[in-house]
Amino acid sequence: MSEVYALLGGINVYPDPVPRLQGCLNDVEAMMAYLQKQAAETGLKLRLQMLTNGEATRNGIIQAFRQHLGQAQSGDYVLFAYSGHGSQ
């Protein structure tokens, strides 16, 4: 049976002087609820990891890609969703 490996990242709180956001954690929580509902309805096994605020650093996301999403096998699904400020 296929599995869904999902990594959700959301950041509302940033270090000064970057302005804080209001809805990013709500975005990833809504995505989590949607994925859980879909998995329950379809019988897919959901493997979910969520990183928020201080957990969703560059290194934290890279590590989660390697350790969490990297577990996916042929036939599995992988999803990464992020809500927050962009950067260059």
PDB file of N, CA and C in Angstrom:
ATOM      1  N   MET A   1       0.828  -1.180   0.000  1.00  0.00           N
ATOM      2  CA  MET A   1       0.000   0.000   0.000  1.00  0.00           C
ATOM      3  C   MET A   1       0.875   1.246   0.000  1.00  0.00           C
ATOM      4  N   SER A   2       0.490   2.221  -0.797  1.00  0.00           N
ATOM      5  CA  SER A   2       1.251   3.473  -0.877  1.00  0.00           C
ATOM      6  C   SER A   2       1.136   4.274   0.413  1.00  0.00           C
ATOM      7  N   GLU A   3       2.192   4.996   0.677  1.00  0.00           N
ATOM      8  CA  GLU A   3       2.217   5.889   1.832  1.00  0.00           C
ATOM      9  C   GLU A   3       2.414   7.315   1.334  1.00  0.00           C
ATOM     10  N   VAL A   4       1.951   8.262   2.133  1.00  0.00           N
ATOM     11  CA  VAL A   4       2.127   9.677   1.828  1.00  0.00           C
ATOM     12  C   VAL A   4       3.064  10.257   2.873  1.00  0.00           C
ATOM     13  N   TYR A   5       4.208  10.733   2.439  1.00  0.00           N
ATOM     14  CA  TYR A   5       5.162  11.414   3.312  1.00  0.00           C
ATOM     15  C   TYR A   5       4.976  12.904   3.113  1.00  0.00           C
ATOM     16  N   ALA A   6       4.527  13.582   4.157  1.00  0.00           N
ATOM     17  CA  ALA A   6       4.250  15.015   4.063  1.00  0.00           C
ATOM     18  C   ALA A   6       5.110  15.768   5.068  1.00  0.00           C
ATOM     19  N   LEU A   7       5.697  16.853   4.602  1.00  0.00           N
ATOM     20  CA  LEU A   7       6.463  17.765   5.449  1.00  0.00           C
ATOM     21  C   LEU A   7       5.815  19.133   5.317  1.00  0.00           C
ATOM     22  N   LEU A   8       5.325  19.658   6.433  1.00  0.00           N
ATOM     23  CA  LEU A   8       4.653  20.949   6.445  1.00  0.00           C
ATOM     24  C   LEU A   8       5.462  21.915   7.289  1.00  0.00           C
ATOM     25  N   GLY A   9       5.732  23.081   6.752  1.00  0.00           N
ATOM     26  CA  GLY A   9       6.479  24.109   7.474  1.00  0.00           C
ATOM     27  C   GLY A   9       5.702  25.408   7.511  1.00  0.00           C
ATOM     28  N   GLY A  10       5.641  26.022   8.671  1.00  0.00           N
ATOM     29  CA  GLY A  10       4.958  27.298   8.813  1.00  0.00           C
ATOM     30  C   GLY A  10       5.662  28.186   9.819  1.00  0.00           C
ATOM     31  N   ILE A  11       5.841  29.447   9.450  1.00  0.00           N
ATOM     32  CA  ILE A  11       6.537  30.388  10.336  1.00  0.00           C
ATOM     33  C   ILE A  11       5.720  31.669  10.455  1.00  0.00           C
ATOM     34  N   ASN A  12       5.286  31.961  11.664  1.00  0.00           N
ATOM     35  CA  ASN A  12       4.658  33.250  11.977  1.00  0.00           C
ATOM     36  C   ASN A  12       5.659  34.201  12.623  1.00  0.00           C
ATOM     37  N   VAL A  13       6.570  33.663  13.438  1.00  0.00           N
ATOM     38  CA  VAL A  13       7.464  34.474  14.260  1.00  0.00           C
ATOM     39  C   VAL A  13       8.873  34.435  13.695  1.00  0.00           C
ATOM     40  N   TYR A  14       9.368  35.613  13.337  1.00  0.00           N
ATOM     41  CA  TYR A  14      10.708  35.762  12.775  1.00  0.00           C
ATOM     42  C   TYR A  14      11.541  36.648  13.692  1.00  0.00           C
ATOM     43  N   PRO A  15      12.862  36.514  13.629  1.00  0.00           N
ATOM     44  CA  PRO A  15      13.712  37.423  14.409  1.00  0.00           C
ATOM     45  C   PRO A  15      13.599  38.848  13.862  1.00  0.00           C
ATOM     46  N   ASP A  16      13.741  39.838  14.733  1.00  0.00           N
ATOM     47  CA  ASP A  16      13.743  41.243  14.305  1.00  0.00           C
ATOM     48  C   ASP A  16      14.853  41.449  13.300  1.00  0.00           C
ATOM     49  N   PRO A  17      14.673  42.235  12.293  1.00  0.00           N
ATOM     50  CA  PRO A  17      13.576  43.163  12.029  1.00  0.00           C
ATOM     51  C   PRO A  17      12.509  42.590  11.071  1.00  0.00           C
ATOM     52  N   VAL A  18      12.513  41.302  10.828  1.00  0.00           N
ATOM     53  CA  VAL A  18      11.553  40.714   9.892  1.00  0.00           C
ATOM     54  C   VAL A  18      10.164  40.747  10.536  1.00  0.00           C
ATOM     55  N   PRO A  19       9.185  41.293   9.826  1.00  0.00           N
ATOM     56  CA  PRO A  19       7.850  41.393  10.421  1.00  0.00           C
ATOM     57  C   PRO A  19       7.206  40.024  10.636  1.00  0.00           C
ATOM     58  N   ARG A  20       6.437  39.922  11.703  1.00  0.00           N
ATOM     59  CA  ARG A  20       5.706  38.691  12.012  1.00  0.00           C
ATOM     60  C   ARG A  20       4.523  38.546  11.063  1.00  0.00           C
ATOM     61  N   LEU A  21       4.115  37.307  10.886  1.00  0.00           N
ATOM     62  CA  LEU A  21       2.946  37.007  10.076  1.00  0.00           C
ATOM     63  C   LEU A  21       1.843  36.471  10.980  1.00  0.00           C
ATOM     64  N   GLN A  22       0.619  36.406  10.467  1.00  0.00           N
ATOM     65  CA  GLN A  22      -0.515  36.003  11.286  1.00  0.00           C
ATOM     66  C   GLN A  22      -1.070  34.617  10.944  1.00  0.00           C
ATOM     67  N   GLY A  23      -1.054  34.215   9.676  1.00  0.00           N
ATOM     68  CA  GLY A  23      -1.815  33.043   9.290  1.00  0.00           C
ATOM     69  C   GLY A  23      -1.040  31.810   8.882  1.00  0.00           C
ATOM     70  N   CYS A  24       0.269  31.839   8.979  1.00  0.00           N
ATOM     71  CA  CYS A  24       1.066  30.730   8.443  1.00  0.00           C
ATOM     72  C   CYS A  24       0.867  29.428   9.221  1.00  0.00           C
ATOM     73  N   LEU A  25       0.809  29.514  10.531  1.00  0.00           N
ATOM     74  CA  LEU A  25       0.570  28.296  11.310  1.00  0.00           C
ATOM     75  C   LEU A  25      -0.836  27.771  11.044  1.00  0.00           C
ATOM     76  N   ASN A  26      -1.793  28.682  10.850  1.00  0.00           N
ATOM     77  CA  ASN A  26      -3.146  28.253  10.480  1.00  0.00           C
ATOM     78  C   ASN A  26      -3.126  27.519   9.144  1.00  0.00           C
ATOM     79  N   ASP A  27      -2.314  28.003   8.207  1.00  0.00           N
ATOM     80  CA  ASP A  27      -2.211  27.356   6.891  1.00  0.00           C
ATOM     81  C   ASP A  27      -1.752  25.907   7.016  1.00  0.00           C
ATOM     82  N   VAL A  28      -0.679  25.670   7.773  1.00  0.00           N
ATOM     83  CA  VAL A  28      -0.156  24.308   7.864  1.00  0.00           C
ATOM     84  C   VAL A  28      -1.065  23.411   8.707  1.00  0.00           C
ATOM     85  N   GLU A  29      -1.741  23.982   9.686  1.00  0.00           N
ATOM     86  CA  GLU A  29      -2.698  23.187  10.455  1.00  0.00           C
ATOM     87  C   GLU A  29      -3.890  22.787   9.588  1.00  0.00           C
ATOM     88  N   ALA A  30      -4.329  23.698   8.715  1.00  0.00           N
ATOM     89  CA  ALA A  30      -5.424  23.366   7.788  1.00  0.00           C
ATOM     90  C   ALA A  30      -4.974  22.304   6.790  1.00  0.00           C
ATOM     91  N   MET A  31      -3.756  22.393   6.309  1.00  0.00           N
ATOM     92  CA  MET A  31      -3.224  21.394   5.390  1.00  0.00           C
ATOM     93  C   MET A  31      -3.121  20.040   6.087  1.00  0.00           C
ATOM     94  N   MET A  32      -2.681  20.036   7.342  1.00  0.00           N
ATOM     95  CA  MET A  32      -2.586  18.802   8.100  1.00  0.00           C
ATOM     96  C   MET A  32      -3.974  18.159   8.244  1.00  0.00           C
ATOM     97  N   ALA A  33      -4.966  18.942   8.593  1.00  0.00           N
ATOM     98  CA  ALA A  33      -6.331  18.413   8.752  1.00  0.00           C
ATOM     99  C   ALA A  33      -6.847  17.852   7.432  1.00  0.00           C
ATOM    100  N   TYR A  34      -6.570  18.554   6.338  1.00  0.00           N
ATOM    101  CA  TYR A  34      -6.995  18.082   5.016  1.00  0.00           C
ATOM    102  C   TYR A  34      -6.338  16.743   4.678  1.00  0.00           C
ATOM    103  N   LEU A  35      -5.035  16.658   4.890  1.00  0.00           N
ATOM    104  CA  LEU A  35      -4.318  15.418   4.583  1.00  0.00           C
ATOM    105  C   LEU A  35      -4.800  14.258   5.446  1.00  0.00           C
ATOM    106  N   GLN A  36      -5.049  14.519   6.721  1.00  0.00           N
ATOM    107  CA  GLN A  36      -5.544  13.467   7.606  1.00  0.00           C
ATOM    108  C   GLN A  36      -6.919  12.975   7.145  1.00  0.00           C
ATOM    109  N   LYS A  37      -7.776  13.895   6.737  1.00  0.00           N
ATOM    110  CA  LYS A  37      -9.106  13.516   6.250  1.00  0.00           C
ATOM    111  C   LYS A  37      -9.005  12.696   4.972  1.00  0.00           C
ATOM    112  N   GLN A  38      -8.171  13.152   4.040  1.00  0.00           N
ATOM    113  CA  GLN A  38      -8.009  12.431   2.776  1.00  0.00           C
ATOM    114  C   GLN A  38      -7.419  11.046   2.989  1.00  0.00           C
ATOM    115  N   ALA A  39      -6.454  10.948   3.878  1.00  0.00           N
ATOM    116  CA  ALA A  39      -5.841   9.648   4.157  1.00  0.00           C
ATOM    117  C   ALA A  39      -6.874   8.696   4.754  1.00  0.00           C
ATOM    118  N   ALA A  40      -7.697   9.199   5.658  1.00  0.00           N
ATOM    119  CA  ALA A  40      -8.723   8.358   6.276  1.00  0.00           C
ATOM    120  C   ALA A  40      -9.742   7.889   5.238  1.00  0.00           C
ATOM    121  N   GLU A  41     -10.085   8.759   4.300  1.00  0.00           N
ATOM    122  CA  GLU A  41     -11.092   8.416   3.292  1.00  0.00           C
ATOM    123  C   GLU A  41     -10.561   7.483   2.207  1.00  0.00           C
ATOM    124  N   THR A  42      -9.275   7.579   1.914  1.00  0.00           N
ATOM    125  CA  THR A  42      -8.710   6.802   0.802  1.00  0.00           C
ATOM    126  C   THR A  42      -7.952   5.562   1.250  1.00  0.00           C
ATOM    127  N   GLY A  43      -7.641   5.480   2.541  1.00  0.00           N
ATOM    128  CA  GLY A  43      -6.891   4.334   3.045  1.00  0.00           C
ATOM    129  C   GLY A  43      -5.384   4.467   2.892  1.00  0.00           C
ATOM    130  N   LEU A  44      -4.910   5.613   2.388  1.00  0.00           N
ATOM    131  CA  LEU A  44      -3.469   5.823   2.308  1.00  0.00           C
ATOM    132  C   LEU A  44      -2.907   6.045   3.705  1.00  0.00           C
ATOM    133  N   LYS A  45      -1.704   5.570   3.932  1.00  0.00           N
ATOM    134  CA  LYS A  45      -1.048   5.775   5.223  1.00  0.00           C
ATOM    135  C   LYS A  45      -0.304   7.103   5.181  1.00  0.00           C
ATOM    136  N   LEU A  46      -0.620   7.985   6.114  1.00  0.00           N
ATOM    137  CA  LEU A  46      -0.027   9.312   6.163  1.00  0.00           C
ATOM    138  C   LEU A  46       1.121   9.329   7.157  1.00  0.00           C
ATOM    139  N   ARG A  47       2.284   9.728   6.679  1.00  0.00           N
ATOM    140  CA  ARG A  47       3.473   9.944   7.507  1.00  0.00           C
ATOM    141  C   ARG A  47       3.732  11.445   7.488  1.00  0.00           C
ATOM    142  N   LEU A  48       3.390  12.122   8.573  1.00  0.00           N
ATOM    143  CA  LEU A  48       3.383  13.579   8.606  1.00  0.00           C
ATOM    144  C   LEU A  48       4.416  14.111   9.580  1.00  0.00           C
ATOM    145  N   GLN A  49       5.138  15.134   9.134  1.00  0.00           N
ATOM    146  CA  GLN A  49       6.015  15.887  10.031  1.00  0.00           C
ATOM    147  C   GLN A  49       5.729  17.357   9.812  1.00  0.00           C
ATOM    148  N   MET A  50       5.598  18.094  10.917  1.00  0.00           N
ATOM    149  CA  MET A  50       5.338  19.523  10.829  1.00  0.00           C
ATOM    150  C   MET A  50       6.425  20.274  11.583  1.00  0.00           C
ATOM    151  N   LEU A  51       6.971  21.304  10.937  1.00  0.00           N
ATOM    152  CA  LEU A  51       7.961  22.179  11.554  1.00  0.00           C
ATOM    153  C   LEU A  51       7.349  23.573  11.639  1.00  0.00           C
ATOM    154  N   THR A  52       7.376  24.167  12.827  1.00  0.00           N
ATOM    155  CA  THR A  52       6.795  25.491  12.996  1.00  0.00           C
ATOM    156  C   THR A  52       7.794  26.441  13.645  1.00  0.00           C
ATOM    157  N   ASN A  53       7.638  27.710  13.299  1.00  0.00           N
ATOM    158  CA  ASN A  53       8.451  28.793  13.845  1.00  0.00           C
ATOM    159  C   ASN A  53       9.921  28.413  13.942  1.00  0.00           C
ATOM    160  N   GLY A  54      10.502  28.356  15.135  1.00  0.00           N
ATOM    161  CA  GLY A  54      11.933  28.114  15.304  1.00  0.00           C
ATOM    162  C   GLY A  54      12.422  26.757  14.833  1.00  0.00           C
ATOM    163  N   GLU A  55      11.515  25.794  14.645  1.00  0.00           N
ATOM    164  CA  GLU A  55      11.899  24.479  14.122  1.00  0.00           C
ATOM    165  C   GLU A  55      12.114  24.524  12.607  1.00  0.00           C
ATOM    166  N   ALA A  56      11.452  25.467  11.950  1.00  0.00           N
ATOM    167  CA  ALA A  56      11.459  25.519  10.480  1.00  0.00           C
ATOM    168  C   ALA A  56      12.613  26.378   9.960  1.00  0.00           C
ATOM    169  N   THR A  57      13.801  26.087  10.461  1.00  0.00           N
ATOM    170  CA  THR A  57      15.003  26.778   9.984  1.00  0.00           C
ATOM    171  C   THR A  57      15.486  26.121   8.693  1.00  0.00           C
ATOM    172  N   ARG A  58      16.431  26.742   8.039  1.00  0.00           N
ATOM    173  CA  ARG A  58      17.014  26.152   6.833  1.00  0.00           C
ATOM    174  C   ARG A  58      17.524  24.742   7.138  1.00  0.00           C
ATOM    175  N   ASN A  59      18.317  24.630   8.203  1.00  0.00           N
ATOM    176  CA  ASN A  59      18.876  23.323   8.567  1.00  0.00           C
ATOM    177  C   ASN A  59      17.793  22.334   8.987  1.00  0.00           C
ATOM    178  N   GLY A  60      16.784  22.800   9.705  1.00  0.00           N
ATOM    179  CA  GLY A  60      15.698  21.926  10.121  1.00  0.00           C
ATOM    180  C   GLY A  60      14.940  21.346   8.939  1.00  0.00           C
ATOM    181  N   ILE A  61      14.699  22.188   7.940  1.00  0.00           N
ATOM    182  CA  ILE A  61      13.989  21.727   6.746  1.00  0.00           C
ATOM    183  C   ILE A  61      14.850  20.773   5.934  1.00  0.00           C
ATOM    184  N   ILE A  62      16.123  21.085   5.776  1.00  0.00           N
ATOM    185  CA  ILE A  62      17.027  20.190   5.045  1.00  0.00           C
ATOM    186  C   ILE A  62      17.085  18.827   5.737  1.00  0.00           C
ATOM    187  N   GLN A  63      17.224  18.832   7.057  1.00  0.00           N
ATOM    188  CA  GLN A  63      17.285  17.576   7.804  1.00  0.00           C
ATOM    189  C   GLN A  63      15.983  16.779   7.654  1.00  0.00           C
ATOM    190  N   ALA A  64      14.843  17.466   7.688  1.00  0.00           N
ATOM    191  CA  ALA A  64      13.553  16.776   7.539  1.00  0.00           C
ATOM    192  C   ALA A  64      13.396  16.208   6.126  1.00  0.00           C
ATOM    193  N   PHE A  65      13.908  16.920   5.117  1.00  0.00           N
ATOM    194  CA  PHE A  65      13.890  16.372   3.753  1.00  0.00           C
ATOM    195  C   PHE A  65      14.664  15.063   3.716  1.00  0.00           C
ATOM    196  N   ARG A  66      15.828  15.068   4.312  1.00  0.00           N
ATOM    197  CA  ARG A  66      16.678  13.874   4.268  1.00  0.00           C
ATOM    198  C   ARG A  66      16.118  12.730   5.107  1.00  0.00           C
ATOM    199  N   GLN A  67      15.727  13.041   6.337  1.00  0.00           N
ATOM    200  CA  GLN A  67      15.348  11.972   7.271  1.00  0.00           C
ATOM    201  C   GLN A  67      13.892  11.550   7.130  1.00  0.00           C
ATOM    202  N   HIS A  68      12.996  12.497   6.906  1.00  0.00           N
ATOM    203  CA  HIS A  68      11.576  12.155   6.830  1.00  0.00           C
ATOM    204  C   HIS A  68      11.156  11.839   5.400  1.00  0.00           C
ATOM    205  N   LEU A  69      11.294  12.803   4.510  1.00  0.00           N
ATOM    206  CA  LEU A  69      10.867  12.582   3.126  1.00  0.00           C
ATOM    207  C   LEU A  69      11.734  11.539   2.438  1.00  0.00           C
ATOM    208  N   GLY A  70      12.980  11.425   2.873  1.00  0.00           N
ATOM    209  CA  GLY A  70      13.898  10.456   2.290  1.00  0.00           C
ATOM    210  C   GLY A  70      13.513   9.007   2.540  1.00  0.00           C
ATOM    211  N   GLN A  71      12.540   8.761   3.404  1.00  0.00           N
ATOM    212  CA  GLN A  71      12.074   7.396   3.665  1.00  0.00           C
ATOM    213  C   GLN A  71      11.134   6.883   2.578  1.00  0.00           C
ATOM    214  N   ALA A  72      10.635   7.760   1.733  1.00  0.00           N
ATOM    215  CA  ALA A  72       9.668   7.361   0.709  1.00  0.00           C
ATOM    216  C   ALA A  72      10.292   6.345  -0.243  1.00  0.00           C
ATOM    217  N   GLN A  73       9.473   5.384  -0.619  1.00  0.00           N
ATOM    218  CA  GLN A  73       9.883   4.328  -1.544  1.00  0.00           C
ATOM    219  C   GLN A  73       9.138   4.514  -2.862  1.00  0.00           C
ATOM    220  N   SER A  74       9.525   3.733  -3.853  1.00  0.00           N
ATOM    221  CA  SER A  74       8.839   3.751  -5.137  1.00  0.00           C
ATOM    222  C   SER A  74       7.348   3.475  -4.911  1.00  0.00           C
ATOM    223  N   GLY A  75       6.500   4.297  -5.509  1.00  0.00           N
ATOM    224  CA  GLY A  75       5.055   4.153  -5.359  1.00  0.00           C
ATOM    225  C   GLY A  75       4.463   5.001  -4.252  1.00  0.00           C
ATOM    226  N   ASP A  76       5.301   5.551  -3.380  1.00  0.00           N
ATOM    227  CA  ASP A  76       4.826   6.455  -2.335  1.00  0.00           C
ATOM    228  C   ASP A  76       4.662   7.862  -2.901  1.00  0.00           C
ATOM    229  N   TYR A  77       4.008   8.699  -2.127  1.00  0.00           N
ATOM    230  CA  TYR A  77       3.813  10.101  -2.496  1.00  0.00           C
ATOM    231  C   TYR A  77       4.573  10.966  -1.507  1.00  0.00           C
ATOM    232  N   VAL A  78       5.110  12.096  -2.005  1.00  0.00           N
ATOM    233  CA  VAL A  78       5.839  13.033  -1.165  1.00  0.00           C
ATOM    234  C   VAL A  78       5.263  14.425  -1.382  1.00  0.00           C
ATOM    235  N   LEU A  79       5.015  15.130  -0.272  1.00  0.00           N
ATOM    236  CA  LEU A  79       4.479  16.486  -0.334  1.00  0.00           C
ATOM    237  C   LEU A  79       5.266  17.378   0.609  1.00  0.00           C
ATOM    238  N   PHE A  80       5.671  18.536   0.107  1.00  0.00           N
ATOM    239  CA  PHE A  80       6.266  19.574   0.949  1.00  0.00           C
ATOM    240  C   PHE A  80       5.436  20.824   0.770  1.00  0.00           C
ATOM    241  N   ALA A  81       4.967  21.391   1.874  1.00  0.00           N
ATOM    242  CA  ALA A  81       4.206  22.642   1.841  1.00  0.00           C
ATOM    243  C   ALA A  81       4.804  23.596   2.863  1.00  0.00           C
ATOM    244  N   TYR A  82       4.943  24.864   2.466  1.00  0.00           N
ATOM    245  CA  TYR A  82       5.548  25.884   3.326  1.00  0.00           C
ATOM    246  C   TYR A  82       4.687  27.127   3.287  1.00  0.00           C
ATOM    247  N   SER A  83       4.518  27.733   4.442  1.00  0.00           N
ATOM    248  CA  SER A  83       3.819  29.003   4.538  1.00  0.00           C
ATOM    249  C   SER A  83       4.660  29.934   5.398  1.00  0.00           C
ATOM    250  N   GLY A  84       5.055  31.060   4.827  1.00  0.00           N
ATOM    251  CA  GLY A  84       5.885  32.038   5.540  1.00  0.00           C
ATOM    252  C   GLY A  84       6.447  33.029   4.547  1.00  0.00           C
ATOM    253  N   HIS A  85       7.342  33.884   5.036  1.00  0.00           N
ATOM    254  CA  HIS A  85       8.028  34.834   4.158  1.00  0.00           C
ATOM    255  C   HIS A  85       8.941  34.071   3.201  1.00  0.00           C
ATOM    256  N   GLY A  86       9.154  34.621   2.055  1.00  0.00           N
ATOM    257  CA  GLY A  86      10.156  34.104   1.132  1.00  0.00           C
ATOM    258  C   GLY A  86      11.479  34.799   1.358  1.00  0.00           C
ATOM    259  N   SER A  87      12.534  34.307   0.765  1.00  0.00           N
ATOM    260  CA  SER A  87      13.850  34.903   0.908  1.00  0.00           C
ATOM    261  C   SER A  87      14.710  34.525  -0.276  1.00  0.00           C
ATOM    262  N   GLN A  88      15.745  35.300  -0.495  1.00  0.00           N
ATOM    263  CA  GLN A  88      16.690  34.991  -1.560  1.00  0.00           C
ATOM    264  C   GLN A  88      18.018  34.616  -0.950  1.00  0.00           C
TER     265      GLN A  88
END
